[in-house]
Amino acid sequence: MKDSVKRSIVFIIFGAFLVYLIYLIIKWEPITTAEYSNMNIPIYIILIALCIYMLVFYSIYPIYIRFSRTTAFVLWLASIILSQVMLANDWPSHVYIWDLFSVLWVLILILFPTNIITTDKVKKSKAKKNEIIIEV
């Protein structure tokens, strides 16, 4: 039960962000600041890939990945820097991507090392891989 709640929360949050990104693509809204306007499509791709990564590996099909905490830490720290430097915060056109993703990445950066998002199934598979079998 607890695992399904964790997976559902991750699915709802990152699914909502993925839908918001797709909505912005359909409207063809620029999500980068003026000086990075040529990087609009690559930034869309990076953000969509990060949302899909979280959806797949922490909600739809949670599996144990070696160095997952380190990988996630580097990804989310880079995402915070990316969102602060490159993403737009344009109130008149209702693009709040900078605020939304900054808050999301900070929350993930805080929650992920504490294993709040990690399901019990993944923890068990990690313990099983670290288990040493001694035969006599």
N, C-alpha and C. Protein backbone atom coordinates (compact mmCIF):
# COMPACT_ATOMS: atom_id res chain seq x y z
N MET A 1 0.82 -1.20 0.00
CA MET A 1 0.00 0.00 0.00
C MET A 1 0.87 1.26 0.00
N LYS A 2 1.89 1.25 0.87
CA LYS A 2 2.76 2.40 0.98
C LYS A 2 3.52 2.65 -0.33
N ASP A 3 3.96 1.57 -0.96
CA ASP A 3 4.67 1.70 -2.24
C ASP A 3 3.77 2.28 -3.32
N SER A 4 2.54 1.83 -3.38
CA SER A 4 1.63 2.34 -4.41
C SER A 4 1.32 3.82 -4.20
N VAL A 5 1.29 4.27 -2.95
CA VAL A 5 1.07 5.69 -2.68
C VAL A 5 2.27 6.50 -3.15
N LYS A 6 3.48 6.02 -2.84
CA LYS A 6 4.70 6.70 -3.30
C LYS A 6 4.74 6.78 -4.82
N ARG A 7 4.46 5.65 -5.45
CA ARG A 7 4.49 5.60 -6.91
C ARG A 7 3.42 6.51 -7.51
N SER A 8 2.25 6.56 -6.89
CA SER A 8 1.16 7.41 -7.39
C SER A 8 1.51 8.88 -7.26
N ILE A 9 2.12 9.26 -6.14
CA ILE A 9 2.51 10.67 -5.96
C ILE A 9 3.54 11.08 -7.00
N VAL A 10 4.54 10.24 -7.22
CA VAL A 10 5.56 10.55 -8.23
C VAL A 10 4.91 10.62 -9.61
N PHE A 11 3.99 9.69 -9.90
CA PHE A 11 3.32 9.67 -11.20
C PHE A 11 2.49 10.94 -11.40
N ILE A 12 1.76 11.35 -10.39
CA ILE A 12 0.91 12.54 -10.53
C ILE A 12 1.75 13.80 -10.70
N ILE A 13 2.78 13.95 -9.89
CA ILE A 13 3.60 15.16 -9.96
C ILE A 13 4.32 15.26 -11.30
N PHE A 14 5.05 14.21 -11.67
CA PHE A 14 5.82 14.29 -12.90
C PHE A 14 4.94 14.16 -14.13
N GLY A 15 3.82 13.48 -14.02
CA GLY A 15 2.85 13.44 -15.11
C GLY A 15 2.28 14.82 -15.37
N ALA A 16 1.99 15.57 -14.29
CA ALA A 16 1.46 16.93 -14.45
C ALA A 16 2.50 17.84 -15.10
N PHE A 17 3.76 17.71 -14.68
CA PHE A 17 4.80 18.53 -15.30
C PHE A 17 5.01 18.15 -16.76
N LEU A 18 4.91 16.87 -17.08
CA LEU A 18 5.04 16.43 -18.46
C LEU A 18 3.89 16.96 -19.32
N VAL A 19 2.68 16.92 -18.79
CA VAL A 19 1.52 17.47 -19.51
C VAL A 19 1.69 18.98 -19.70
N TYR A 20 2.19 19.67 -18.69
CA TYR A 20 2.42 21.12 -18.81
C TYR A 20 3.46 21.42 -19.90
N LEU A 21 4.52 20.63 -19.95
CA LEU A 21 5.52 20.82 -20.99
C LEU A 21 4.94 20.58 -22.38
N ILE A 22 4.14 19.53 -22.51
CA ILE A 22 3.51 19.24 -23.81
C ILE A 22 2.55 20.36 -24.18
N TYR A 23 1.82 20.89 -23.21
CA TYR A 23 0.92 22.01 -23.45
C TYR A 23 1.70 23.22 -23.96
N LEU A 24 2.85 23.49 -23.36
CA LEU A 24 3.67 24.62 -23.81
C LEU A 24 4.24 24.39 -25.20
N ILE A 25 4.59 23.14 -25.51
CA ILE A 25 5.08 22.83 -26.86
C ILE A 25 3.98 23.06 -27.89
N ILE A 26 2.77 22.61 -27.57
CA ILE A 26 1.65 22.77 -28.50
C ILE A 26 1.36 24.25 -28.74
N LYS A 27 1.43 25.05 -27.68
CA LYS A 27 1.23 26.50 -27.83
C LYS A 27 2.45 27.19 -28.43
N TRP A 28 3.56 26.47 -28.52
CA TRP A 28 4.83 26.95 -29.02
C TRP A 28 5.31 28.17 -28.22
N GLU A 29 5.23 28.04 -26.91
CA GLU A 29 5.70 29.08 -26.00
C GLU A 29 7.21 28.93 -25.80
N PRO A 30 7.94 30.02 -25.85
CA PRO A 30 9.36 29.93 -25.51
C PRO A 30 9.52 29.76 -24.00
N ILE A 31 10.29 28.76 -23.58
CA ILE A 31 10.48 28.54 -22.15
C ILE A 31 11.85 28.99 -21.68
N THR A 32 12.66 29.51 -22.59
CA THR A 32 13.97 30.00 -22.21
C THR A 32 13.97 31.53 -22.23
N THR A 33 14.95 32.10 -21.57
CA THR A 33 15.09 33.55 -21.57
C THR A 33 15.54 34.01 -22.96
N ALA A 34 15.52 35.32 -23.18
CA ALA A 34 15.82 35.87 -24.51
C ALA A 34 17.22 35.53 -24.98
N GLU A 35 18.19 35.54 -24.09
CA GLU A 35 19.57 35.27 -24.53
C GLU A 35 19.80 33.80 -24.87
N TYR A 36 18.92 32.92 -24.42
CA TYR A 36 19.02 31.50 -24.74
C TYR A 36 17.88 31.04 -25.65
N SER A 37 17.35 31.92 -26.44
CA SER A 37 16.20 31.58 -27.28
C SER A 37 16.52 30.51 -28.33
N ASN A 38 17.78 30.39 -28.73
CA ASN A 38 18.15 29.36 -29.70
C ASN A 38 18.21 27.97 -29.05
N MET A 39 18.14 27.89 -27.72
CA MET A 39 18.20 26.62 -27.00
C MET A 39 16.82 26.14 -26.56
N ASN A 40 15.76 26.69 -27.11
CA ASN A 40 14.40 26.38 -26.66
C ASN A 40 14.05 24.90 -26.84
N ILE A 41 14.27 24.37 -28.02
CA ILE A 41 13.93 22.96 -28.29
C ILE A 41 14.80 22.00 -27.48
N PRO A 42 16.13 22.19 -27.40
CA PRO A 42 16.93 21.28 -26.56
C PRO A 42 16.51 21.31 -25.08
N ILE A 43 16.12 22.46 -24.58
CA ILE A 43 15.67 22.55 -23.19
C ILE A 43 14.36 21.80 -23.01
N TYR A 44 13.45 21.92 -23.97
CA TYR A 44 12.22 21.12 -23.93
C TYR A 44 12.56 19.63 -23.85
N ILE A 45 13.47 19.20 -24.70
CA ILE A 45 13.84 17.78 -24.76
C ILE A 45 14.47 17.33 -23.44
N ILE A 46 15.34 18.15 -22.87
CA ILE A 46 15.98 17.80 -21.60
C ILE A 46 14.95 17.68 -20.48
N LEU A 47 14.05 18.64 -20.39
CA LEU A 47 13.04 18.62 -19.32
C LEU A 47 12.06 17.46 -19.49
N ILE A 48 11.67 17.19 -20.71
CA ILE A 48 10.78 16.05 -20.96
C ILE A 48 11.49 14.75 -20.63
N ALA A 49 12.76 14.64 -21.01
CA ALA A 49 13.52 13.42 -20.70
C ALA A 49 13.65 13.21 -19.19
N LEU A 50 13.89 14.29 -18.43
CA LEU A 50 13.97 14.17 -16.98
C LEU A 50 12.65 13.74 -16.37
N CYS A 51 11.55 14.29 -16.86
CA CYS A 51 10.23 13.89 -16.36
C CYS A 51 9.93 12.43 -16.69
N ILE A 52 10.28 12.01 -17.90
CA ILE A 52 10.05 10.62 -18.29
C ILE A 52 10.94 9.69 -17.47
N TYR A 53 12.18 10.10 -17.20
CA TYR A 53 13.08 9.31 -16.35
C TYR A 53 12.46 9.07 -14.99
N MET A 54 11.95 10.12 -14.38
CA MET A 54 11.32 9.97 -13.06
C MET A 54 10.05 9.14 -13.15
N LEU A 55 9.25 9.35 -14.18
CA LEU A 55 8.02 8.58 -14.33
C LEU A 55 8.31 7.09 -14.48
N VAL A 56 9.26 6.76 -15.32
CA VAL A 56 9.52 5.35 -15.61
C VAL A 56 10.21 4.66 -14.43
N PHE A 57 11.31 5.22 -13.94
CA PHE A 57 12.12 4.51 -12.96
C PHE A 57 11.68 4.69 -11.51
N TYR A 58 10.74 5.57 -11.25
CA TYR A 58 10.28 5.74 -9.88
C TYR A 58 8.77 5.60 -9.74
N SER A 59 8.07 5.38 -10.84
CA SER A 59 6.63 5.23 -10.75
C SER A 59 6.11 4.02 -11.52
N ILE A 60 6.33 4.00 -12.80
CA ILE A 60 5.76 2.95 -13.65
C ILE A 60 6.51 1.63 -13.46
N TYR A 61 7.82 1.67 -13.53
CA TYR A 61 8.63 0.46 -13.43
C TYR A 61 9.81 0.71 -12.50
N PRO A 62 9.59 0.76 -11.19
CA PRO A 62 10.70 1.05 -10.28
C PRO A 62 11.67 -0.12 -10.19
N ILE A 63 12.92 0.14 -10.52
CA ILE A 63 13.95 -0.88 -10.44
C ILE A 63 15.15 -0.31 -9.70
N TYR A 64 16.02 -1.19 -9.25
CA TYR A 64 17.25 -0.76 -8.59
C TYR A 64 18.28 -0.44 -9.66
N ILE A 65 18.81 0.76 -9.59
CA ILE A 65 19.86 1.20 -10.50
C ILE A 65 21.07 1.55 -9.64
N ARG A 66 22.19 0.99 -9.98
CA ARG A 66 23.40 1.29 -9.21
C ARG A 66 23.74 2.77 -9.33
N PHE A 67 24.13 3.38 -8.27
CA PHE A 67 24.43 4.80 -8.18
C PHE A 67 23.23 5.68 -8.51
N SER A 68 22.03 5.20 -8.24
CA SER A 68 20.84 5.99 -8.59
C SER A 68 20.75 7.27 -7.77
N ARG A 69 21.15 7.22 -6.50
CA ARG A 69 21.11 8.44 -5.70
C ARG A 69 22.13 9.46 -6.19
N THR A 70 23.31 9.00 -6.54
CA THR A 70 24.34 9.90 -7.05
C THR A 70 23.91 10.48 -8.39
N THR A 71 23.39 9.64 -9.26
CA THR A 71 22.92 10.11 -10.57
C THR A 71 21.81 11.12 -10.41
N ALA A 72 20.84 10.82 -9.56
CA ALA A 72 19.73 11.73 -9.34
C ALA A 72 20.21 13.05 -8.73
N PHE A 73 21.16 12.96 -7.80
CA PHE A 73 21.68 14.18 -7.18
C PHE A 73 22.32 15.08 -8.22
N VAL A 74 23.15 14.52 -9.09
CA VAL A 74 23.80 15.31 -10.13
C VAL A 74 22.77 15.85 -11.12
N LEU A 75 21.81 15.02 -11.52
CA LEU A 75 20.77 15.46 -12.45
C LEU A 75 19.96 16.61 -11.88
N TRP A 76 19.54 16.48 -10.65
CA TRP A 76 18.66 17.50 -10.08
C TRP A 76 19.43 18.76 -9.73
N LEU A 77 20.68 18.64 -9.32
CA LEU A 77 21.49 19.83 -9.08
C LEU A 77 21.73 20.59 -10.39
N ALA A 78 22.04 19.85 -11.45
CA ALA A 78 22.20 20.47 -12.77
C ALA A 78 20.89 21.09 -13.24
N SER A 79 19.77 20.45 -12.93
CA SER A 79 18.46 20.98 -13.32
C SER A 79 18.12 22.26 -12.59
N ILE A 80 18.51 22.35 -11.32
CA ILE A 80 18.27 23.59 -10.57
C ILE A 80 19.07 24.73 -11.19
N ILE A 81 20.33 24.46 -11.50
CA ILE A 81 21.17 25.49 -12.12
C ILE A 81 20.61 25.86 -13.50
N LEU A 82 20.21 24.86 -14.28
CA LEU A 82 19.63 25.10 -15.60
C LEU A 82 18.37 25.95 -15.48
N SER A 83 17.50 25.63 -14.54
CA SER A 83 16.25 26.36 -14.43
C SER A 83 16.48 27.79 -13.96
N GLN A 84 17.47 28.02 -13.10
CA GLN A 84 17.74 29.37 -12.63
C GLN A 84 18.39 30.24 -13.71
N VAL A 85 19.18 29.62 -14.57
CA VAL A 85 19.92 30.38 -15.57
C VAL A 85 19.15 30.53 -16.88
N MET A 86 18.53 29.45 -17.36
CA MET A 86 18.01 29.45 -18.71
C MET A 86 16.50 29.55 -18.85
N LEU A 87 15.74 29.11 -17.86
CA LEU A 87 14.30 29.04 -18.03
C LEU A 87 13.63 30.40 -17.82
N ALA A 88 12.52 30.58 -18.53
CA ALA A 88 11.80 31.85 -18.51
C ALA A 88 10.82 31.90 -17.35
N ASN A 89 10.54 33.11 -16.94
CA ASN A 89 9.53 33.37 -15.93
C ASN A 89 8.73 34.56 -16.44
N ASP A 90 7.84 34.30 -17.38
CA ASP A 90 7.13 35.36 -18.09
C ASP A 90 5.68 35.40 -17.62
N TRP A 91 5.38 36.30 -16.72
CA TRP A 91 4.04 36.37 -16.14
C TRP A 91 2.97 36.79 -17.16
N PRO A 92 3.22 37.74 -18.05
CA PRO A 92 2.15 38.14 -18.98
C PRO A 92 1.68 37.00 -19.90
N SER A 93 2.59 36.14 -20.32
CA SER A 93 2.18 35.04 -21.19
C SER A 93 1.90 33.76 -20.42
N HIS A 94 1.85 33.84 -19.09
CA HIS A 94 1.51 32.71 -18.22
C HIS A 94 2.48 31.54 -18.35
N VAL A 95 3.76 31.84 -18.46
CA VAL A 95 4.79 30.81 -18.48
C VAL A 95 5.52 30.89 -17.14
N TYR A 96 5.26 29.90 -16.29
CA TYR A 96 5.85 29.89 -14.96
C TYR A 96 6.84 28.74 -14.82
N ILE A 97 7.47 28.38 -15.89
CA ILE A 97 8.31 27.19 -15.92
C ILE A 97 9.50 27.31 -14.97
N TRP A 98 10.05 28.50 -14.83
CA TRP A 98 11.20 28.71 -13.95
C TRP A 98 10.83 28.43 -12.50
N ASP A 99 9.73 28.99 -12.05
CA ASP A 99 9.28 28.77 -10.68
C ASP A 99 8.92 27.32 -10.42
N LEU A 100 8.14 26.74 -11.31
CA LEU A 100 7.66 25.37 -11.10
C LEU A 100 8.81 24.37 -11.05
N PHE A 101 9.69 24.44 -12.00
CA PHE A 101 10.78 23.46 -12.04
C PHE A 101 11.81 23.72 -10.95
N SER A 102 12.03 24.96 -10.57
CA SER A 102 12.96 25.21 -9.46
C SER A 102 12.44 24.59 -8.17
N VAL A 103 11.17 24.77 -7.89
CA VAL A 103 10.57 24.18 -6.69
C VAL A 103 10.60 22.66 -6.78
N LEU A 104 10.25 22.11 -7.93
CA LEU A 104 10.25 20.65 -8.10
C LEU A 104 11.64 20.08 -7.89
N TRP A 105 12.65 20.65 -8.51
CA TRP A 105 13.99 20.10 -8.41
C TRP A 105 14.52 20.22 -6.98
N VAL A 106 14.22 21.31 -6.29
CA VAL A 106 14.68 21.45 -4.90
C VAL A 106 14.01 20.39 -4.02
N LEU A 107 12.71 20.18 -4.21
CA LEU A 107 12.01 19.15 -3.45
C LEU A 107 12.60 17.77 -3.71
N ILE A 108 12.85 17.45 -4.95
CA ILE A 108 13.42 16.16 -5.29
C ILE A 108 14.83 16.03 -4.72
N LEU A 109 15.60 17.11 -4.78
CA LEU A 109 16.96 17.09 -4.24
C LEU A 109 16.95 16.84 -2.74
N ILE A 110 15.93 17.32 -2.05
CA ILE A 110 15.82 17.10 -0.61
C ILE A 110 15.25 15.72 -0.31
N LEU A 111 14.21 15.30 -1.04
CA LEU A 111 13.52 14.05 -0.74
C LEU A 111 14.27 12.80 -1.19
N PHE A 112 14.99 12.89 -2.28
CA PHE A 112 15.59 11.69 -2.85
C PHE A 112 16.64 11.05 -1.96
N PRO A 113 17.60 11.79 -1.40
CA PRO A 113 18.61 11.13 -0.55
C PRO A 113 18.04 10.50 0.72
N THR A 114 16.88 10.94 1.14
CA THR A 114 16.27 10.38 2.34
C THR A 114 15.50 9.10 2.06
N ASN A 115 15.48 8.64 0.83
CA ASN A 115 14.78 7.42 0.39
C ASN A 115 13.27 7.50 0.58
N ILE A 116 12.71 8.68 0.63
CA ILE A 116 11.26 8.81 0.75
C ILE A 116 10.58 8.37 -0.55
N ILE A 117 11.20 8.65 -1.67
CA ILE A 117 10.61 8.30 -2.96
C ILE A 117 10.87 6.84 -3.32
N THR A 118 11.95 6.27 -2.83
CA THR A 118 12.32 4.90 -3.17
C THR A 118 11.35 3.91 -2.54
N THR A 119 10.85 3.00 -3.33
CA THR A 119 9.88 2.02 -2.84
C THR A 119 10.57 0.88 -2.12
N ASP A 120 9.79 0.13 -1.34
CA ASP A 120 10.35 -1.00 -0.59
C ASP A 120 10.85 -2.10 -1.52
N LYS A 121 10.19 -2.27 -2.66
CA LYS A 121 10.60 -3.28 -3.63
C LYS A 121 12.02 -3.00 -4.13
N VAL A 122 12.30 -1.74 -4.40
CA VAL A 122 13.63 -1.35 -4.87
C VAL A 122 14.65 -1.52 -3.76
N LYS A 123 14.28 -1.17 -2.53
CA LYS A 123 15.19 -1.36 -1.40
C LYS A 123 15.52 -2.84 -1.20
N LYS A 124 14.52 -3.71 -1.35
CA LYS A 124 14.74 -5.15 -1.20
C LYS A 124 15.64 -5.69 -2.31
N SER A 125 15.43 -5.23 -3.54
CA SER A 125 16.28 -5.70 -4.63
C SER A 125 17.71 -5.21 -4.46
N LYS A 126 17.89 -4.02 -3.89
CA LYS A 126 19.24 -3.53 -3.61
C LYS A 126 19.90 -4.39 -2.54
N ALA A 127 19.15 -4.71 -1.50
CA ALA A 127 19.70 -5.56 -0.44
C ALA A 127 20.04 -6.94 -0.97
N LYS A 128 19.22 -7.45 -1.87
CA LYS A 128 19.46 -8.77 -2.45
C LYS A 128 20.72 -8.77 -3.31
N LYS A 129 20.96 -7.71 -4.04
CA LYS A 129 22.18 -7.63 -4.87
C LYS A 129 23.42 -7.48 -4.01
N ASN A 130 23.28 -6.85 -2.84
CA ASN A 130 24.43 -6.68 -1.95
C ASN A 130 24.65 -7.87 -1.04
N GLU A 131 23.75 -8.82 -1.09
CA GLU A 131 23.84 -10.01 -0.24
C GLU A 131 24.97 -10.91 -0.69
N ILE A 132 25.72 -11.40 0.27
CA ILE A 132 26.83 -12.30 -0.03
C ILE A 132 26.46 -13.69 0.44
N ILE A 133 26.56 -14.65 -0.46
CA ILE A 133 26.23 -16.03 -0.14
C ILE A 133 27.54 -16.78 0.12
N ILE A 134 27.63 -17.33 1.29
CA ILE A 134 28.82 -18.09 1.67
C ILE A 134 28.44 -19.57 1.74
N GLU A 135 29.05 -20.35 0.90
CA GLU A 135 28.78 -21.78 0.87
C GLU A 135 29.88 -22.51 1.61
N VAL A 136 29.48 -23.50 2.38
CA VAL A 136 30.45 -24.29 3.15
C VAL A 136 30.58 -25.66 2.55
